[in-house]
């Protein structure tokens, strides 16, 4: 019986670990629809005090996107200031579980397919 070289044996044993796993649906809170993960309770208690969790779950964006929304709500919607730990927990949770989605938006239309802008000033009036 012929034996496999050690490298081939190690590769054969490790190959299943290197294969991508199928995506597993994240468990969600039945009341809010928020993904059950570290920080979800902080998000639930702070975000759903003013609006439904649906406003959270239908959005996605980078950490800066979420921070911008928080700052906008603080400046215009009377959202209270968070202590640093609470804000970090909220941003960590949102950017991890409701982060940027690849391919979620279509590419912009080419300029030649865009309609004429009726509000654009005609510079050339000769």
N, C-alpha and C. Protein backbone atom coordinates (compact mmCIF):
# COMPACT_ATOMS: atom_id res chain seq x y z
N UNK A 1 0.85 -1.18 0.00
CA UNK A 1 0.00 0.00 0.00
C UNK A 1 0.88 1.23 0.00
N UNK A 2 0.55 2.20 -0.86
CA UNK A 2 1.33 3.42 -0.98
C UNK A 2 0.80 4.45 0.01
N UNK A 3 1.69 5.17 0.70
CA UNK A 3 1.28 6.18 1.68
C UNK A 3 1.32 7.56 1.04
N UNK A 4 0.45 8.41 1.48
CA UNK A 4 0.42 9.79 0.99
C UNK A 4 1.53 10.60 1.65
N UNK A 5 2.12 11.52 0.91
CA UNK A 5 3.07 12.42 1.56
C UNK A 5 2.35 13.19 2.67
N UNK A 6 3.10 13.59 3.66
CA UNK A 6 2.53 14.28 4.82
C UNK A 6 1.76 15.53 4.41
N UNK A 7 2.29 16.32 3.48
CA UNK A 7 1.62 17.56 3.05
C UNK A 7 0.25 17.25 2.45
N UNK A 8 0.16 16.18 1.65
CA UNK A 8 -1.11 15.82 1.04
C UNK A 8 -2.10 15.35 2.10
N UNK A 9 -1.62 14.64 3.09
CA UNK A 9 -2.48 14.18 4.16
C UNK A 9 -3.03 15.36 4.98
N UNK A 10 -2.15 16.31 5.30
CA UNK A 10 -2.56 17.49 6.06
C UNK A 10 -3.58 18.30 5.25
N UNK A 11 -3.30 18.48 3.95
CA UNK A 11 -4.22 19.22 3.09
C UNK A 11 -5.58 18.53 3.02
N UNK A 12 -5.57 17.21 2.91
CA UNK A 12 -6.83 16.47 2.84
C UNK A 12 -7.63 16.63 4.13
N UNK A 13 -6.95 16.68 5.26
CA UNK A 13 -7.64 16.85 6.54
C UNK A 13 -8.13 18.28 6.75
N UNK A 14 -7.39 19.24 6.22
CA UNK A 14 -7.77 20.65 6.43
C UNK A 14 -8.75 21.18 5.39
N UNK A 15 -8.87 20.53 4.25
CA UNK A 15 -9.72 21.03 3.17
C UNK A 15 -11.15 21.31 3.61
N UNK A 16 -11.79 20.44 4.37
CA UNK A 16 -13.16 20.78 4.79
C UNK A 16 -13.23 22.05 5.63
N UNK A 17 -12.17 22.36 6.35
CA UNK A 17 -12.17 23.58 7.16
C UNK A 17 -12.00 24.83 6.32
N UNK A 18 -11.41 24.67 5.13
CA UNK A 18 -11.16 25.82 4.27
C UNK A 18 -12.33 26.13 3.34
N UNK A 19 -13.25 25.21 3.21
CA UNK A 19 -14.40 25.41 2.34
C UNK A 19 -15.36 26.41 2.99
N UNK A 20 -15.93 27.33 2.19
CA UNK A 20 -16.89 28.27 2.78
C UNK A 20 -18.12 27.54 3.27
N UNK A 21 -18.59 27.96 4.42
CA UNK A 21 -19.81 27.39 4.98
C UNK A 21 -21.03 28.05 4.37
N UNK A 22 -22.12 27.36 4.22
CA UNK A 22 -23.33 28.00 3.72
C UNK A 22 -23.79 29.06 4.73
N UNK A 23 -24.36 30.12 4.20
CA UNK A 23 -24.83 31.20 5.07
C UNK A 23 -25.93 30.68 5.99
N UNK A 24 -25.79 30.99 7.25
CA UNK A 24 -26.78 30.58 8.23
C UNK A 24 -27.59 31.83 8.59
N UNK A 25 -28.88 31.71 8.49
CA UNK A 25 -29.74 32.86 8.82
C UNK A 25 -29.55 33.22 10.28
N UNK A 26 -29.33 34.50 10.52
CA UNK A 26 -29.14 34.97 11.89
C UNK A 26 -30.46 34.90 12.65
N UNK A 27 -30.38 34.52 13.90
CA UNK A 27 -31.58 34.47 14.74
C UNK A 27 -32.01 35.91 15.03
N UNK A 28 -33.31 36.13 14.98
CA UNK A 28 -33.84 37.48 15.17
C UNK A 28 -34.81 37.52 16.33
N UNK A 29 -34.88 38.68 16.96
CA UNK A 29 -35.86 38.91 18.02
C UNK A 29 -37.24 38.90 17.38
N UNK A 30 -38.17 38.09 17.88
CA UNK A 30 -39.49 38.01 17.25
C UNK A 30 -40.30 39.30 17.36
N UNK A 31 -40.02 40.12 18.35
CA UNK A 31 -40.79 41.36 18.52
C UNK A 31 -40.29 42.49 17.64
N UNK A 32 -38.97 42.60 17.47
CA UNK A 32 -38.41 43.73 16.74
C UNK A 32 -37.85 43.37 15.38
N UNK A 33 -37.46 42.13 15.19
CA UNK A 33 -36.79 41.74 13.96
C UNK A 33 -35.30 42.02 13.97
N UNK A 34 -34.80 42.56 15.09
CA UNK A 34 -33.36 42.84 15.18
C UNK A 34 -32.60 41.53 15.33
N UNK A 35 -31.43 41.48 14.71
CA UNK A 35 -30.58 40.30 14.82
C UNK A 35 -30.09 40.17 16.25
N UNK A 36 -30.24 38.98 16.80
CA UNK A 36 -29.82 38.72 18.18
C UNK A 36 -28.32 38.52 18.21
N UNK A 37 -27.61 39.52 18.67
CA UNK A 37 -26.15 39.49 18.76
C UNK A 37 -25.74 40.53 19.80
N UNK A 38 -24.46 40.50 20.15
CA UNK A 38 -23.98 41.46 21.14
C UNK A 38 -24.42 42.88 20.78
N UNK A 39 -25.04 43.55 21.73
CA UNK A 39 -25.45 44.93 21.55
C UNK A 39 -26.89 45.13 21.11
N UNK A 40 -27.59 44.05 20.76
CA UNK A 40 -28.94 44.25 20.23
C UNK A 40 -29.88 44.86 21.25
N UNK A 41 -29.71 44.52 22.53
CA UNK A 41 -30.59 45.08 23.57
C UNK A 41 -30.38 46.59 23.70
N UNK A 42 -29.13 47.03 23.57
CA UNK A 42 -28.82 48.47 23.65
C UNK A 42 -29.46 49.19 22.47
N UNK A 43 -29.37 48.60 21.30
CA UNK A 43 -30.00 49.20 20.11
C UNK A 43 -31.52 49.23 20.30
N UNK A 44 -32.08 48.12 20.74
CA UNK A 44 -33.54 48.07 20.94
C UNK A 44 -33.98 49.15 21.92
N UNK A 45 -33.32 49.26 23.07
CA UNK A 45 -33.78 50.19 24.09
C UNK A 45 -33.56 51.65 23.70
N UNK A 46 -32.54 51.93 22.91
CA UNK A 46 -32.28 53.32 22.52
C UNK A 46 -32.97 53.71 21.22
N UNK A 47 -32.99 52.83 20.26
CA UNK A 47 -33.53 53.19 18.95
C UNK A 47 -35.04 53.07 18.87
N UNK A 48 -35.60 52.04 19.50
CA UNK A 48 -37.04 51.86 19.38
C UNK A 48 -37.82 52.69 20.40
N UNK A 49 -37.12 53.49 21.17
CA UNK A 49 -37.82 54.43 22.06
C UNK A 49 -38.51 55.52 21.23
N UNK A 50 -37.99 55.79 20.03
CA UNK A 50 -38.54 56.86 19.19
C UNK A 50 -39.18 56.36 17.90
N UNK A 51 -38.73 55.24 17.38
CA UNK A 51 -39.28 54.74 16.12
C UNK A 51 -39.24 53.22 16.11
N UNK A 52 -39.87 52.64 15.13
CA UNK A 52 -39.93 51.18 15.05
C UNK A 52 -38.56 50.62 14.68
N UNK A 53 -38.35 49.37 15.03
CA UNK A 53 -37.11 48.70 14.66
C UNK A 53 -37.01 48.53 13.15
N UNK A 54 -38.16 48.60 12.47
CA UNK A 54 -38.15 48.49 11.01
C UNK A 54 -37.32 49.57 10.35
N UNK A 55 -37.25 50.74 10.95
CA UNK A 55 -36.40 51.80 10.40
C UNK A 55 -34.93 51.43 10.50
N UNK A 56 -34.59 50.61 11.46
CA UNK A 56 -33.21 50.14 11.58
C UNK A 56 -32.98 49.01 10.58
N UNK A 57 -33.85 48.02 10.60
CA UNK A 57 -33.61 46.81 9.81
C UNK A 57 -33.71 47.03 8.31
N UNK A 58 -34.39 48.08 7.87
CA UNK A 58 -34.49 48.33 6.43
C UNK A 58 -33.30 49.13 5.91
N UNK A 59 -32.46 49.62 6.80
CA UNK A 59 -31.29 50.41 6.40
C UNK A 59 -30.03 49.58 6.47
N UNK A 60 -29.02 50.06 5.81
CA UNK A 60 -27.69 49.45 5.89
C UNK A 60 -26.68 50.53 5.53
N UNK A 61 -25.52 50.43 6.12
CA UNK A 61 -24.49 51.40 5.81
C UNK A 61 -23.25 51.20 6.65
N UNK A 62 -22.27 51.98 6.34
CA UNK A 62 -21.00 51.91 7.04
C UNK A 62 -21.15 52.48 8.46
N UNK A 63 -20.12 52.32 9.24
CA UNK A 63 -20.10 52.90 10.59
C UNK A 63 -20.31 54.41 10.50
N UNK A 64 -19.67 55.06 9.53
CA UNK A 64 -19.84 56.52 9.36
C UNK A 64 -21.27 56.88 8.98
N UNK A 65 -21.90 56.05 8.17
CA UNK A 65 -23.30 56.28 7.81
C UNK A 65 -24.17 56.28 9.06
N UNK A 66 -24.01 55.24 9.91
CA UNK A 66 -24.82 55.15 11.12
C UNK A 66 -24.50 56.29 12.08
N UNK A 67 -23.24 56.65 12.19
CA UNK A 67 -22.88 57.78 13.06
C UNK A 67 -23.52 59.06 12.54
N UNK A 68 -23.53 59.24 11.22
CA UNK A 68 -24.17 60.42 10.64
C UNK A 68 -25.66 60.47 10.95
N UNK A 69 -26.33 59.31 10.91
CA UNK A 69 -27.75 59.27 11.26
C UNK A 69 -27.97 59.62 12.73
N UNK A 70 -27.10 59.08 13.59
CA UNK A 70 -27.22 59.40 15.02
C UNK A 70 -27.04 60.89 15.23
N UNK A 71 -26.02 61.48 14.62
CA UNK A 71 -25.77 62.93 14.79
C UNK A 71 -26.94 63.75 14.24
N UNK A 72 -27.50 63.32 13.10
CA UNK A 72 -28.65 64.04 12.54
C UNK A 72 -29.83 63.97 13.50
N UNK A 73 -30.09 62.78 14.06
CA UNK A 73 -31.21 62.64 15.01
C UNK A 73 -30.96 63.45 16.26
N UNK A 74 -29.71 63.54 16.69
CA UNK A 74 -29.40 64.35 17.87
C UNK A 74 -29.58 65.83 17.58
N UNK A 75 -29.22 66.25 16.38
CA UNK A 75 -29.31 67.67 16.02
C UNK A 75 -30.74 68.10 15.67
N UNK A 76 -31.54 67.20 15.11
CA UNK A 76 -32.85 67.62 14.60
C UNK A 76 -34.06 66.92 15.22
N UNK A 77 -33.84 65.77 15.86
CA UNK A 77 -34.97 64.97 16.34
C UNK A 77 -35.00 64.80 17.86
N UNK A 78 -34.19 65.56 18.55
CA UNK A 78 -34.11 65.52 20.02
C UNK A 78 -33.64 64.18 20.57
N UNK A 79 -32.83 63.46 19.81
CA UNK A 79 -32.22 62.25 20.35
C UNK A 79 -31.19 62.66 21.40
N UNK A 80 -31.21 61.99 22.52
CA UNK A 80 -30.29 62.30 23.60
C UNK A 80 -28.86 61.94 23.23
N UNK A 81 -27.92 62.53 23.95
CA UNK A 81 -26.50 62.21 23.77
C UNK A 81 -26.21 60.87 24.44
N UNK A 82 -25.42 60.05 23.80
CA UNK A 82 -25.02 58.77 24.37
C UNK A 82 -23.68 58.92 25.07
N UNK A 83 -23.48 58.12 26.12
CA UNK A 83 -22.13 58.05 26.66
C UNK A 83 -21.30 57.27 25.64
N UNK A 84 -19.98 57.37 25.75
CA UNK A 84 -19.08 56.78 24.75
C UNK A 84 -19.28 55.27 24.60
N UNK A 85 -19.48 54.56 25.69
CA UNK A 85 -19.64 53.10 25.63
C UNK A 85 -20.93 52.71 24.91
N UNK A 86 -22.01 53.42 25.20
CA UNK A 86 -23.29 53.14 24.55
C UNK A 86 -23.21 53.41 23.06
N UNK A 87 -22.63 54.55 22.69
CA UNK A 87 -22.51 54.89 21.28
C UNK A 87 -21.65 53.85 20.55
N UNK A 88 -20.56 53.42 21.16
CA UNK A 88 -19.70 52.41 20.54
C UNK A 88 -20.47 51.10 20.35
N UNK A 89 -21.22 50.69 21.36
CA UNK A 89 -22.00 49.45 21.26
C UNK A 89 -23.01 49.54 20.12
N UNK A 90 -23.71 50.66 20.03
CA UNK A 90 -24.70 50.86 18.96
C UNK A 90 -24.03 50.82 17.59
N UNK A 91 -22.94 51.56 17.44
CA UNK A 91 -22.25 51.61 16.15
C UNK A 91 -21.63 50.26 15.78
N UNK A 92 -21.07 49.55 16.77
CA UNK A 92 -20.52 48.22 16.50
C UNK A 92 -21.62 47.28 15.99
N UNK A 93 -22.74 47.28 16.68
CA UNK A 93 -23.85 46.40 16.32
C UNK A 93 -24.39 46.76 14.92
N UNK A 94 -24.69 48.02 14.70
CA UNK A 94 -25.30 48.42 13.43
C UNK A 94 -24.36 48.21 12.25
N UNK A 95 -23.09 48.58 12.40
CA UNK A 95 -22.17 48.43 11.27
C UNK A 95 -21.84 46.96 11.00
N UNK A 96 -21.94 46.11 12.01
CA UNK A 96 -21.68 44.69 11.82
C UNK A 96 -22.89 43.98 11.22
N UNK A 97 -24.07 44.23 11.74
CA UNK A 97 -25.25 43.47 11.33
C UNK A 97 -26.12 44.17 10.30
N UNK A 98 -25.94 45.47 10.15
CA UNK A 98 -26.68 46.24 9.15
C UNK A 98 -25.70 47.13 8.40
N UNK A 99 -24.56 46.53 8.04
CA UNK A 99 -23.49 47.25 7.35
C UNK A 99 -23.74 47.36 5.86
N UNK A 100 -22.72 47.81 5.18
CA UNK A 100 -22.80 48.01 3.74
C UNK A 100 -23.10 46.68 3.06
N UNK A 101 -24.06 46.69 2.16
CA UNK A 101 -24.43 45.50 1.39
C UNK A 101 -23.83 45.61 0.00
N UNK A 102 -23.06 44.61 -0.36
CA UNK A 102 -22.47 44.58 -1.69
C UNK A 102 -23.57 44.36 -2.73
N UNK A 103 -23.53 45.14 -3.78
CA UNK A 103 -24.47 44.95 -4.88
C UNK A 103 -25.91 45.31 -4.56
N UNK A 104 -26.14 46.05 -3.49
CA UNK A 104 -27.51 46.38 -3.12
C UNK A 104 -28.08 47.52 -3.97
N UNK A 105 -27.23 48.27 -4.61
CA UNK A 105 -27.70 49.38 -5.44
C UNK A 105 -27.26 49.16 -6.87
N UNK A 106 -28.06 49.59 -7.78
CA UNK A 106 -27.69 49.46 -9.19
C UNK A 106 -26.64 50.53 -9.52
N UNK A 107 -25.94 50.32 -10.60
CA UNK A 107 -24.98 51.31 -11.08
C UNK A 107 -25.74 52.52 -11.61
N UNK A 108 -25.14 53.72 -11.53
CA UNK A 108 -25.81 54.90 -12.08
C UNK A 108 -26.02 54.74 -13.59
N UNK A 109 -27.09 55.36 -14.07
CA UNK A 109 -27.35 55.34 -15.51
C UNK A 109 -26.29 56.15 -16.23
N UNK A 110 -25.90 55.72 -17.43
CA UNK A 110 -24.97 56.54 -18.22
C UNK A 110 -25.63 57.88 -18.55
N UNK A 111 -24.82 58.91 -18.65
CA UNK A 111 -25.33 60.26 -18.89
C UNK A 111 -26.24 60.32 -20.12
N UNK A 112 -25.90 59.58 -21.17
CA UNK A 112 -26.70 59.65 -22.40
C UNK A 112 -28.09 59.03 -22.23
N UNK A 113 -28.29 58.25 -21.19
CA UNK A 113 -29.61 57.67 -20.93
C UNK A 113 -30.44 58.51 -19.95
N UNK A 114 -29.84 59.53 -19.39
CA UNK A 114 -30.54 60.38 -18.43
C UNK A 114 -31.45 61.35 -19.16
N UNK A 115 -32.60 61.67 -18.59
CA UNK A 115 -33.47 62.67 -19.22
C UNK A 115 -32.85 64.06 -19.10
N UNK A 116 -33.32 64.96 -19.92
CA UNK A 116 -32.85 66.34 -19.86
C UNK A 116 -33.31 66.94 -18.55
N UNK A 117 -32.42 67.63 -17.87
CA UNK A 117 -32.74 68.29 -16.61
C UNK A 117 -33.43 69.62 -16.91
N UNK A 118 -34.70 69.76 -16.61
CA UNK A 118 -35.41 71.01 -16.94
C UNK A 118 -34.95 72.19 -16.09
N UNK A 119 -34.23 71.93 -15.01
CA UNK A 119 -33.81 73.00 -14.12
C UNK A 119 -32.38 73.45 -14.38
N UNK A 120 -31.68 72.76 -15.26
CA UNK A 120 -30.31 73.13 -15.57
C UNK A 120 -30.34 74.38 -16.43
N UNK A 121 -29.55 75.36 -16.02
CA UNK A 121 -29.50 76.61 -16.78
C UNK A 121 -28.74 76.41 -18.06
N UNK A 122 -29.28 76.92 -19.13
CA UNK A 122 -28.60 76.84 -20.42
C UNK A 122 -27.56 77.93 -20.48
N UNK A 123 -26.29 77.53 -20.42
CA UNK A 123 -25.20 78.50 -20.38
C UNK A 123 -24.99 79.11 -21.75
N UNK A 124 -25.16 78.31 -22.80
CA UNK A 124 -24.92 78.80 -24.16
C UNK A 124 -26.23 79.39 -24.70
N UNK A 125 -26.34 80.70 -24.63
CA UNK A 125 -27.57 81.37 -25.10
C UNK A 125 -27.32 82.21 -26.35
N UNK A 126 -26.49 81.74 -27.24
CA UNK A 126 -26.15 82.54 -28.42
C UNK A 126 -27.23 82.63 -29.44
